Protein backbone atom coordinates (compact mmCIF):
# COMPACT_ATOMS: atom_id res chain seq x y z
CA MET A 1 21.54 -36.95 -31.87
CA SER A 2 20.48 -33.34 -32.33
CA ALA A 3 16.90 -32.33 -33.16
CA GLU A 4 17.78 -31.39 -36.74
CA THR A 5 18.99 -34.93 -37.53
CA GLU A 6 16.32 -36.98 -35.76
CA ARG A 7 13.14 -38.38 -37.28
CA GLY A 8 9.82 -36.88 -36.25
CA LEU A 9 8.77 -33.31 -35.48
CA HIS A 10 11.03 -31.08 -33.41
CA THR A 11 10.62 -27.40 -32.56
CA ARG A 12 13.17 -25.24 -30.79
CA GLU A 13 12.79 -21.66 -29.52
CA LEU A 14 9.56 -21.31 -31.50
CA THR A 15 8.20 -17.86 -30.70
CA VAL A 16 5.16 -15.96 -31.99
CA ARG A 17 4.61 -12.29 -31.23
CA TYR A 18 1.58 -10.14 -32.00
CA GLY A 19 2.87 -6.64 -31.30
CA GLY A 20 3.76 -6.64 -27.63
CA LEU A 21 1.95 -9.93 -26.93
CA VAL A 22 4.05 -13.10 -26.84
CA ALA A 23 1.65 -15.87 -27.86
CA ASN A 24 4.32 -18.61 -27.96
CA ASP A 25 7.50 -18.20 -25.95
CA SER A 26 10.52 -20.30 -27.05
CA VAL A 27 8.53 -23.52 -27.34
CA ALA A 28 10.53 -26.75 -27.56
CA LEU A 29 8.45 -29.83 -28.38
CA ASP A 30 9.18 -33.27 -29.83
CA VAL A 31 6.95 -35.85 -31.52
CA GLU A 32 8.62 -39.11 -32.48
CA PRO A 33 7.32 -41.45 -35.23
CA GLY A 34 4.55 -43.66 -33.84
CA GLN A 35 4.00 -41.42 -30.80
CA VAL A 36 0.82 -39.64 -29.79
CA VAL A 37 1.80 -36.43 -28.03
CA GLY A 38 -0.78 -34.22 -26.33
CA LEU A 39 -0.63 -30.43 -26.06
CA ILE A 40 -3.10 -29.13 -23.49
CA GLY A 41 -3.75 -25.94 -21.58
CA PRO A 42 -6.45 -23.39 -20.79
CA ASN A 43 -8.21 -21.35 -23.48
CA GLY A 44 -5.89 -18.66 -24.81
CA ALA A 45 -2.74 -20.55 -23.79
CA GLY A 46 -1.38 -20.45 -27.36
CA LYS A 47 -1.98 -24.03 -28.50
CA THR A 48 -3.60 -23.31 -31.87
CA THR A 49 -1.12 -20.49 -32.43
CA PHE A 50 1.62 -23.08 -32.01
CA VAL A 51 0.03 -25.33 -34.63
CA ASP A 52 -0.33 -22.35 -36.97
CA ALA A 53 3.33 -21.50 -36.44
CA VAL A 54 4.51 -25.06 -37.04
CA THR A 55 2.48 -25.37 -40.23
CA GLY A 56 3.47 -21.92 -41.53
CA PHE A 57 0.12 -20.14 -41.23
CA THR A 58 1.42 -17.51 -38.82
CA PRO A 59 4.86 -15.82 -38.77
CA ALA A 60 7.20 -17.17 -36.13
CA GLN A 61 10.79 -17.11 -35.00
CA GLY A 62 12.69 -20.25 -34.10
CA HIS A 63 13.12 -23.61 -35.78
CA VAL A 64 10.93 -26.46 -37.02
CA TRP A 65 12.29 -29.77 -38.30
CA LEU A 66 10.45 -32.78 -39.72
CA ASP A 67 12.52 -35.89 -40.28
CA GLY A 68 15.67 -33.78 -40.39
CA LEU A 69 14.31 -31.25 -42.93
CA GLN A 70 14.20 -27.67 -41.67
CA LEU A 71 10.76 -26.22 -42.41
CA ASP A 72 10.66 -22.86 -40.66
CA GLN A 73 11.51 -20.85 -43.78
CA LEU A 74 9.03 -22.71 -46.00
CA PRO A 75 5.44 -21.63 -46.89
CA PRO A 76 2.51 -23.82 -45.75
CA HIS A 77 2.12 -25.75 -49.02
CA ARG A 78 5.80 -26.71 -49.00
CA ARG A 79 5.51 -27.92 -45.41
CA ARG A 80 2.48 -29.98 -46.39
CA ALA A 81 4.39 -31.48 -49.30
CA ALA A 82 7.17 -32.39 -46.87
CA GLY A 83 4.67 -34.46 -44.85
CA LEU A 84 3.42 -32.01 -42.22
CA SER A 85 -0.36 -32.31 -42.19
CA ARG A 86 -3.10 -30.88 -39.98
CA THR A 87 -6.80 -30.77 -39.30
CA TRP A 88 -8.78 -27.64 -38.44
CA GLN A 89 -11.11 -26.89 -35.55
CA SER A 90 -14.16 -26.22 -37.71
CA GLY A 91 -15.35 -25.61 -41.23
CA GLU A 92 -13.09 -28.26 -42.72
CA LEU A 93 -15.27 -29.97 -45.27
CA PHE A 94 -17.00 -28.74 -48.42
CA ALA A 95 -20.59 -29.65 -47.59
CA ASN A 96 -21.75 -30.12 -51.18
CA LEU A 97 -18.81 -32.32 -52.24
CA THR A 98 -18.57 -36.04 -51.68
CA VAL A 99 -16.18 -37.55 -49.18
CA ALA A 100 -13.85 -38.58 -52.01
CA GLU A 101 -13.88 -35.09 -53.50
CA ASN A 102 -13.14 -33.54 -50.11
CA ILE A 103 -10.11 -35.76 -49.72
CA LEU A 104 -8.80 -35.29 -53.24
CA VAL A 105 -9.22 -31.52 -53.36
CA ALA A 106 -6.69 -31.26 -50.53
CA ALA A 107 -4.41 -34.12 -51.49
CA ARG A 108 -4.07 -33.93 -55.27
CA PRO A 109 -2.86 -31.06 -57.45
CA GLY A 110 -4.57 -30.22 -60.71
CA GLY A 111 -7.91 -28.76 -59.68
CA LEU A 112 -11.43 -30.10 -60.10
CA ARG A 113 -10.80 -31.60 -63.55
CA ARG A 114 -8.07 -33.84 -62.14
CA ILE A 115 -10.34 -34.83 -59.24
CA TRP A 116 -13.16 -35.72 -61.65
CA HIS A 117 -10.83 -37.85 -63.75
CA ASP A 118 -9.63 -39.68 -60.64
CA ILE A 119 -13.14 -40.44 -59.42
CA VAL A 120 -14.84 -41.50 -62.67
CA GLY A 121 -11.84 -43.43 -63.91
CA THR A 122 -10.86 -41.40 -66.96
CA GLY A 123 -7.47 -40.87 -65.34
CA ASP A 124 -5.32 -43.42 -63.47
CA ARG A 125 -6.42 -45.28 -60.36
CA ALA A 126 -4.06 -43.41 -58.06
CA GLY A 127 -6.67 -40.96 -56.80
CA ARG A 128 -9.27 -43.60 -56.02
CA GLU A 129 -6.70 -45.78 -54.28
CA LEU A 130 -5.52 -42.79 -52.23
CA VAL A 131 -9.11 -42.17 -51.07
CA GLU A 132 -9.69 -45.85 -50.29
CA ARG A 133 -6.52 -46.11 -48.19
CA ALA A 134 -7.29 -42.94 -46.23
CA LEU A 135 -10.87 -44.00 -45.49
CA GLN A 136 -9.77 -47.48 -44.45
CA VAL A 137 -7.44 -46.02 -41.82
CA VAL A 138 -10.28 -44.03 -40.20
CA GLY A 139 -12.87 -46.81 -40.53
CA LEU A 140 -15.09 -45.18 -43.16
CA GLU A 141 -14.79 -47.73 -45.95
CA GLY A 142 -17.63 -47.34 -48.42
CA ALA A 143 -18.26 -43.67 -47.63
CA ALA A 144 -16.40 -42.22 -50.64
CA GLY A 145 -19.58 -41.35 -52.55
CA THR A 146 -21.46 -39.87 -49.59
CA THR A 147 -22.03 -36.12 -49.63
CA ALA A 148 -20.26 -34.47 -46.71
CA ARG A 149 -23.41 -32.74 -45.41
CA ASP A 150 -25.06 -36.15 -44.94
CA LEU A 151 -22.41 -37.36 -42.49
CA THR A 152 -22.72 -37.24 -38.71
CA LEU A 153 -20.41 -34.81 -36.93
CA GLY A 154 -18.23 -37.69 -35.79
CA GLN A 155 -17.92 -38.96 -39.35
CA GLN A 156 -17.09 -35.47 -40.60
CA LYS A 157 -14.26 -35.28 -38.06
CA LEU A 158 -12.93 -38.62 -39.30
CA VAL A 159 -13.09 -37.46 -42.93
CA GLY A 160 -11.04 -34.43 -41.88
CA VAL A 161 -8.46 -36.81 -40.44
CA ALA A 162 -8.57 -38.96 -43.60
CA ARG A 163 -7.99 -35.87 -45.72
CA ALA A 164 -4.98 -34.92 -43.62
CA LEU A 165 -3.58 -38.43 -43.97
CA ALA A 166 -4.05 -38.62 -47.74
CA GLY A 167 -0.84 -38.35 -49.71
CA ARG A 168 2.41 -37.96 -47.86
CA CYS A 169 1.95 -37.63 -44.09
CA GLY A 170 4.92 -37.84 -41.77
CA LEU A 171 3.37 -35.92 -38.89
CA LEU A 172 -0.32 -35.33 -38.17
CA LEU A 173 -1.47 -32.34 -36.11
CA LEU A 174 -5.01 -32.75 -34.75
CA ASP A 175 -6.52 -29.48 -33.51
CA GLU A 176 -9.58 -30.14 -31.30
CA PRO A 177 -10.74 -33.27 -33.20
CA ALA A 178 -13.16 -34.27 -30.41
CA ALA A 179 -14.94 -30.91 -30.21
CA GLY A 180 -18.69 -31.48 -30.38
CA LEU A 181 -18.46 -35.27 -30.20
CA ASP A 182 -20.44 -37.36 -27.74
CA SER A 183 -18.69 -39.83 -25.45
CA ASN A 184 -19.12 -42.80 -27.80
CA GLU A 185 -17.74 -40.86 -30.76
CA SER A 186 -14.82 -39.66 -28.63
CA VAL A 187 -13.97 -43.25 -27.64
CA ALA A 188 -14.11 -44.31 -31.30
CA LEU A 189 -11.87 -41.41 -32.23
CA ALA A 190 -9.35 -42.43 -29.57
CA ARG A 191 -9.13 -45.91 -31.08
CA ARG A 192 -8.54 -44.47 -34.53
CA ILE A 193 -5.83 -42.15 -33.27
CA ARG A 194 -3.95 -45.07 -31.74
CA ASP A 195 -4.39 -47.12 -34.92
CA ILE A 196 -2.99 -44.27 -37.04
CA ALA A 197 0.06 -43.92 -34.78
CA VAL A 198 0.75 -47.64 -35.05
CA GLU A 199 0.98 -47.20 -38.82
CA GLY A 200 3.93 -44.84 -38.35
CA PRO A 201 3.23 -41.09 -38.41
CA GLY A 202 3.64 -39.20 -35.18
CA ILE A 203 0.56 -37.35 -33.95
CA LEU A 204 0.31 -34.07 -32.05
CA LEU A 205 -3.11 -33.90 -30.40
CA ILE A 206 -4.70 -30.73 -29.04
CA ASP A 207 -8.02 -31.23 -27.29
CA HIS A 208 -9.98 -30.19 -24.21
CA ASP A 209 -11.34 -33.71 -23.72
CA MET A 210 -8.97 -34.67 -20.93
CA SER A 211 -10.18 -38.26 -20.80
CA LEU A 212 -9.25 -38.60 -24.48
CA VAL A 213 -5.87 -36.88 -24.15
CA LEU A 214 -4.73 -38.70 -21.03
CA ALA A 215 -5.96 -42.06 -22.31
CA VAL A 216 -4.43 -41.93 -25.78
CA CYS A 217 -1.19 -39.95 -25.41
CA ASP A 218 2.31 -41.26 -24.73
CA VAL A 219 3.60 -37.83 -23.71
CA VAL A 220 1.77 -34.68 -22.62
CA TYR A 221 2.93 -31.06 -22.85
CA VAL A 222 1.05 -28.39 -20.92
CA MET A 223 1.07 -24.77 -22.12
CA GLU A 224 0.17 -21.68 -20.12
CA PHE A 225 0.54 -18.10 -21.41
CA GLY A 226 2.53 -19.40 -24.38
CA LYS A 227 5.10 -21.28 -22.29
CA ILE A 228 5.50 -25.02 -21.76
CA ILE A 229 5.11 -25.58 -18.01
CA PHE A 230 5.12 -29.39 -18.05
CA ALA A 231 6.33 -32.23 -20.27
CA GLY A 232 5.98 -35.83 -19.19
CA THR A 233 3.72 -38.85 -18.98
CA PRO A 234 -0.08 -38.62 -18.70
CA THR A 235 0.17 -40.28 -15.29
CA ASP A 236 2.44 -37.53 -13.99
CA ALA A 237 0.38 -34.80 -15.68
CA ARG A 238 -2.73 -35.84 -13.74
CA VAL A 239 -1.18 -34.86 -10.39
CA ASP A 240 1.56 -32.36 -11.23
CA PRO A 241 0.98 -29.24 -9.06
CA ALA A 242 1.67 -26.80 -11.91
CA VAL A 243 -0.74 -28.61 -14.25
CA VAL A 244 -3.42 -28.82 -11.58
CA ALA A 245 -3.07 -25.11 -10.78
CA ALA A 246 -3.01 -23.98 -14.42
CA TYR A 247 -5.57 -26.27 -15.99
CA LEU A 248 -7.07 -29.25 -14.20
CA GLY A 249 -8.20 -27.53 -11.01
CA VAL A 250 -7.99 -30.80 -9.07
CA PRO A 251 -5.91 -33.95 -9.62
CA MET A 252 -7.63 -36.22 -12.16
CA GLU A 253 -8.00 -39.05 -9.61
CA SER A 254 -9.98 -36.75 -7.35
CA ALA A 255 -12.05 -35.45 -10.24
CA HIS A 256 -13.24 -38.94 -11.08
CA ALA A 257 -13.52 -40.27 -7.53
């Protein structure tokens, strides 16, 4: 089967240029349903640019398909409606809104009046059920009424994931979800990522926490200077000479010896 007819996320020849700088160079990447795929590389390699290109936040050449639907000519909100959802590195949540409001403001059309109706019950139950399902997936049941600023950083990251999952989500792109987390929070996040993948949506994970990436991912892509220099299993990525030279510095076994 060709990429444009297969389920999951598929990019081909995806290229981003900023003047004479090529930030992404003909990137081909696949994420199947139920897979966790890692995208790693040194700072400035082009990883976040790739996510921005896939989700429509930066102009790009090439092709993007999700479940057979070609997305590369669509604006970001149409890609989101098609099931392509993402988190952001920082500044995701509205600090003065509750967890439920943060989820609904991204997942439901109709503005704040619609959100208020959903929460207090003057509308239908769909909004409250959407919030409950999303929070259950990330293990934050009962947190809907908590104000975002009162959450720990780890909980805020999980609310960001819940917000991305709310509504239709066929592919989840996680951009540095473990940034700022301690080791216990990172382990908890890893469990949640695996649980989410089991439910069906593919996940593309970008993170500098190599223990997290190599432990949770089924496939790893390594990017350097906008090019994919490796695609394979986490086991092979740990010792691949190109990956070691570009990013790891030493094979992972030696690093933890």
